[in-house]
Amino acid sequence: MKLLAALATIALLLAAHAAAASERMFGFEMEKTFSGFTFDGIYDDGSFFSETYFEDGSIRYHDVDGADSGQWSVESDTFCTFYEGSQGACFFVERDGGNCFTFYEAVEGEGGAAEASDTWTSRAWNRESDSTCVTPPGAEI
């Protein structure tokens, strides 16, 4: 009986660790996961946004200051968003659980290769499902 309890405890600890671990997404995963969906999110400064990634590569963006349109694409293993009225960028994306995506801006590293910035830029989730972010925001747009 003690052996079963110990094995159950180990299994729970391993499952908790796996659920907490972030996994870097590849380009094909981002295309499949983001295309045709609307994501709600929060920037690192606490402000909220909503963005729809249409299957034709266009974007519709909303935040408390208004709306914008643009284009999204996947370049190698980065997710890129560029807008008509404001600047855009490319991002490395980590999946945190089933429905939480953390975006790190792609910056030039040593030797000129793109690498993820040290801090996250935004965190988002598909609005069709509950967020699995560790601390989901308590407000909606």
C-alpha atoms as a PDB file:
ATOM      1  CA  MET A   1       0.000   0.000   0.000  1.00  0.00           C
ATOM      2  CA  LYS A   2       2.852   2.392   0.843  1.00  0.00           C
ATOM      3  CA  LEU A   3       4.461   1.607  -2.506  1.00  0.00           C
ATOM      4  CA  LEU A   4       1.241   2.509  -4.348  1.00  0.00           C
ATOM      5  CA  ALA A   5       0.956   5.767  -2.413  1.00  0.00           C
ATOM      6  CA  ALA A   6       4.561   6.649  -3.183  1.00  0.00           C
ATOM      7  CA  LEU A   7       4.095   5.881  -6.885  1.00  0.00           C
ATOM      8  CA  ALA A   8       0.913   7.981  -6.982  1.00  0.00           C
ATOM      9  CA  THR A   9       2.733  10.892  -5.341  1.00  0.00           C
ATOM     10  CA  ILE A  10       5.593  10.677  -7.846  1.00  0.00           C
ATOM     11  CA  ALA A  11       3.130  10.551 -10.747  1.00  0.00           C
ATOM     12  CA  LEU A  12       1.345  13.669  -9.450  1.00  0.00           C
ATOM     13  CA  LEU A  13       4.618  15.547  -9.057  1.00  0.00           C
ATOM     14  CA  LEU A  14       5.729  14.629 -12.570  1.00  0.00           C
ATOM     15  CA  ALA A  15       2.356  15.673 -14.023  1.00  0.00           C
ATOM     16  CA  ALA A  16       2.484  19.001 -12.186  1.00  0.00           C
ATOM     17  CA  HIS A  17       6.008  19.651 -13.463  1.00  0.00           C
ATOM     18  CA  ALA A  18       5.002  18.801 -17.054  1.00  0.00           C
ATOM     19  CA  ALA A  19       1.958  21.091 -16.881  1.00  0.00           C
ATOM     20  CA  ALA A  20       4.081  23.971 -15.588  1.00  0.00           C
ATOM     21  CA  ALA A  21       6.820  23.585 -18.185  1.00  0.00           C
ATOM     22  CA  SER A  22       6.775  25.850 -21.223  1.00  0.00           C
ATOM     23  CA  GLU A  23       7.444  24.421 -24.656  1.00  0.00           C
ATOM     24  CA  ARG A  24       8.823  26.464 -27.562  1.00  0.00           C
ATOM     25  CA  MET A  25       6.517  26.215 -30.565  1.00  0.00           C
ATOM     26  CA  PHE A  26       7.664  25.467 -34.107  1.00  0.00           C
ATOM     27  CA  GLY A  27       6.401  27.408 -37.120  1.00  0.00           C
ATOM     28  CA  PHE A  28       4.006  24.715 -38.351  1.00  0.00           C
ATOM     29  CA  GLU A  29       2.447  24.516 -34.858  1.00  0.00           C
ATOM     30  CA  MET A  30       1.862  28.278 -34.765  1.00  0.00           C
ATOM     31  CA  GLU A  31       0.203  28.248 -38.193  1.00  0.00           C
ATOM     32  CA  LYS A  32      -2.152  25.456 -37.144  1.00  0.00           C
ATOM     33  CA  THR A  33      -2.866  26.855 -33.674  1.00  0.00           C
ATOM     34  CA  PHE A  34      -3.394  30.544 -34.539  1.00  0.00           C
ATOM     35  CA  SER A  35      -4.952  30.492 -38.037  1.00  0.00           C
ATOM     36  CA  GLY A  36      -8.654  31.361 -37.972  1.00  0.00           C
ATOM     37  CA  PHE A  37      -8.869  32.087 -34.241  1.00  0.00           C
ATOM     38  CA  THR A  38      -9.321  35.078 -31.949  1.00  0.00           C
ATOM     39  CA  PHE A  39      -6.963  35.449 -29.024  1.00  0.00           C
ATOM     40  CA  ASP A  40      -7.427  37.615 -25.942  1.00  0.00           C
ATOM     41  CA  GLY A  41      -4.284  38.682 -24.189  1.00  0.00           C
ATOM     42  CA  ILE A  42      -2.345  40.880 -21.860  1.00  0.00           C
ATOM     43  CA  TYR A  43       0.875  42.799 -22.412  1.00  0.00           C
ATOM     44  CA  ASP A  44       3.697  42.807 -19.870  1.00  0.00           C
ATOM     45  CA  ASP A  45       2.462  46.231 -18.672  1.00  0.00           C
ATOM     46  CA  GLY A  46      -0.977  44.800 -17.786  1.00  0.00           C
ATOM     47  CA  SER A  47      -2.952  46.259 -20.706  1.00  0.00           C
ATOM     48  CA  PHE A  48      -5.390  44.011 -22.553  1.00  0.00           C
ATOM     49  CA  PHE A  49      -5.847  43.281 -26.246  1.00  0.00           C
ATOM     50  CA  SER A  50      -7.762  41.030 -28.606  1.00  0.00           C
ATOM     51  CA  GLU A  51      -6.525  39.881 -31.994  1.00  0.00           C
ATOM     52  CA  THR A  52      -8.039  37.723 -34.751  1.00  0.00           C
ATOM     53  CA  TYR A  53      -5.651  35.846 -37.050  1.00  0.00           C
ATOM     54  CA  PHE A  54      -7.616  35.186 -40.247  1.00  0.00           C
ATOM     55  CA  GLU A  55      -6.743  32.227 -42.475  1.00  0.00           C
ATOM     56  CA  ASP A  56      -5.782  34.583 -45.345  1.00  0.00           C
ATOM     57  CA  GLY A  57      -2.959  36.070 -43.218  1.00  0.00           C
ATOM     58  CA  SER A  58      -4.798  39.251 -42.226  1.00  0.00           C
ATOM     59  CA  ILE A  59      -5.196  40.502 -38.633  1.00  0.00           C
ATOM     60  CA  ARG A  60      -7.841  42.503 -36.825  1.00  0.00           C
ATOM     61  CA  TYR A  61      -6.543  44.016 -33.561  1.00  0.00           C
ATOM     62  CA  HIS A  62      -8.475  45.706 -30.716  1.00  0.00           C
ATOM     63  CA  ASP A  63      -7.422  47.295 -27.428  1.00  0.00           C
ATOM     64  CA  VAL A  64      -8.730  50.089 -25.183  1.00  0.00           C
ATOM     65  CA  ASP A  65      -7.261  52.696 -27.555  1.00  0.00           C
ATOM     66  CA  GLY A  66      -8.994  51.418 -30.693  1.00  0.00           C
ATOM     67  CA  ALA A  67      -8.514  48.983 -33.549  1.00  0.00           C
ATOM     68  CA  ASP A  68      -6.008  48.258 -36.307  1.00  0.00           C
ATOM     69  CA  SER A  69      -5.551  45.831 -39.198  1.00  0.00           C
ATOM     70  CA  GLY A  70      -2.503  44.185 -40.659  1.00  0.00           C
ATOM     71  CA  GLN A  71      -0.883  40.923 -41.662  1.00  0.00           C
ATOM     72  CA  TRP A  72       0.457  37.918 -39.743  1.00  0.00           C
ATOM     73  CA  SER A  73       2.889  35.259 -40.931  1.00  0.00           C
ATOM     74  CA  VAL A  74       5.260  32.602 -39.690  1.00  0.00           C
ATOM     75  CA  GLU A  75       8.926  33.150 -40.584  1.00  0.00           C
ATOM     76  CA  SER A  76      11.024  30.088 -39.743  1.00  0.00           C
ATOM     77  CA  ASP A  77      10.009  29.484 -36.133  1.00  0.00           C
ATOM     78  CA  THR A  78       8.845  33.011 -35.306  1.00  0.00           C
ATOM     79  CA  PHE A  79       5.327  34.446 -35.399  1.00  0.00           C
ATOM     80  CA  CYS A  80       5.220  37.873 -37.071  1.00  0.00           C
ATOM     81  CA  THR A  81       2.559  40.578 -36.868  1.00  0.00           C
ATOM     82  CA  PHE A  82       2.681  43.867 -38.792  1.00  0.00           C
ATOM     83  CA  TYR A  83       0.008  46.560 -38.729  1.00  0.00           C
ATOM     84  CA  GLU A  84      -1.224  49.425 -40.890  1.00  0.00           C
ATOM     85  CA  GLY A  85      -1.222  52.008 -38.087  1.00  0.00           C
ATOM     86  CA  SER A  86       1.569  50.846 -35.797  1.00  0.00           C
ATOM     87  CA  GLN A  87       4.814  48.936 -35.763  1.00  0.00           C
ATOM     88  CA  GLY A  88       4.938  45.159 -35.593  1.00  0.00           C
ATOM     89  CA  ALA A  89       7.549  42.526 -34.845  1.00  0.00           C
ATOM     90  CA  CYS A  90       8.344  38.821 -34.872  1.00  0.00           C
ATOM     91  CA  PHE A  91       8.140  36.649 -31.769  1.00  0.00           C
ATOM     92  CA  PHE A  92       9.237  33.317 -30.428  1.00  0.00           C
ATOM     93  CA  VAL A  93       6.240  31.629 -28.822  1.00  0.00           C
ATOM     94  CA  GLU A  94       6.084  29.257 -25.872  1.00  0.00           C
ATOM     95  CA  ARG A  95       3.006  27.198 -25.076  1.00  0.00           C
ATOM     96  CA  ASP A  96       2.230  27.224 -21.367  1.00  0.00           C
ATOM     97  CA  GLY A  97      -0.342  24.484 -20.860  1.00  0.00           C
ATOM     98  CA  GLY A  98      -3.155  23.773 -23.285  1.00  0.00           C
ATOM     99  CA  ASN A  99      -4.336  27.342 -23.890  1.00  0.00           C
ATOM    100  CA  CYS A 100      -1.717  29.897 -22.916  1.00  0.00           C
ATOM    101  CA  PHE A 101       0.880  31.315 -25.287  1.00  0.00           C
ATOM    102  CA  THR A 102       3.744  33.538 -24.177  1.00  0.00           C
ATOM    103  CA  PHE A 103       5.353  35.784 -26.803  1.00  0.00           C
ATOM    104  CA  TYR A 104       9.020  36.854 -26.637  1.00  0.00           C
ATOM    105  CA  GLU A 105      10.177  39.420 -29.181  1.00  0.00           C
ATOM    106  CA  ALA A 106      12.811  38.113 -31.597  1.00  0.00           C
ATOM    107  CA  VAL A 107      15.939  40.232 -31.160  1.00  0.00           C
ATOM    108  CA  GLU A 108      19.327  40.078 -32.822  1.00  0.00           C
ATOM    109  CA  GLY A 109      21.715  37.946 -30.808  1.00  0.00           C
ATOM    110  CA  GLU A 110      25.432  37.352 -31.050  1.00  0.00           C
ATOM    111  CA  GLY A 111      26.462  36.591 -34.596  1.00  0.00           C
ATOM    112  CA  GLY A 112      23.269  38.149 -35.963  1.00  0.00           C
ATOM    113  CA  ALA A 113      20.999  35.163 -35.304  1.00  0.00           C
ATOM    114  CA  ALA A 114      17.509  35.841 -33.938  1.00  0.00           C
ATOM    115  CA  GLU A 115      16.921  34.893 -30.331  1.00  0.00           C
ATOM    116  CA  ALA A 116      14.153  35.432 -27.800  1.00  0.00           C
ATOM    117  CA  SER A 117      14.244  38.564 -25.647  1.00  0.00           C
ATOM    118  CA  ASP A 118      14.876  37.983 -21.948  1.00  0.00           C
ATOM    119  CA  THR A 119      11.365  39.022 -20.884  1.00  0.00           C
ATOM    120  CA  TRP A 120       7.979  38.203 -22.324  1.00  0.00           C
ATOM    121  CA  THR A 121       6.116  40.809 -24.372  1.00  0.00           C
ATOM    122  CA  SER A 122       2.593  39.419 -24.206  1.00  0.00           C
ATOM    123  CA  ARG A 123       0.601  36.398 -23.124  1.00  0.00           C
ATOM    124  CA  ALA A 124      -2.563  35.278 -24.938  1.00  0.00           C
ATOM    125  CA  TRP A 125      -5.130  32.487 -25.132  1.00  0.00           C
ATOM    126  CA  ASN A 126      -7.764  31.331 -27.607  1.00  0.00           C
ATOM    127  CA  ARG A 127     -11.012  32.911 -26.426  1.00  0.00           C
ATOM    128  CA  GLU A 128     -13.011  29.795 -27.380  1.00  0.00           C
ATOM    129  CA  SER A 129     -11.574  27.946 -24.353  1.00  0.00           C
ATOM    130  CA  ASP A 130     -10.638  28.728 -20.766  1.00  0.00           C
ATOM    131  CA  SER A 131      -7.162  30.169 -20.321  1.00  0.00           C
ATOM    132  CA  THR A 132      -4.542  27.857 -18.833  1.00  0.00           C
ATOM    133  CA  CYS A 133      -2.207  30.741 -17.986  1.00  0.00           C
ATOM    134  CA  VAL A 134      -0.861  30.494 -14.448  1.00  0.00           C
ATOM    135  CA  THR A 135      -2.433  33.808 -13.462  1.00  0.00           C
ATOM    136  CA  PRO A 136      -5.139  34.629 -15.996  1.00  0.00           C
ATOM    137  CA  PRO A 137      -6.246  38.250 -15.977  1.00  0.00           C
ATOM    138  CA  GLY A 138      -9.547  39.046 -14.292  1.00  0.00           C
ATOM    139  CA  ALA A 139     -10.834  41.447 -16.934  1.00  0.00           C
ATOM    140  CA  GLU A 140     -12.136  41.109 -20.465  1.00  0.00           C
ATOM    141  CA  ILE A 141     -12.216  43.463 -23.419  1.00  0.00           C
END
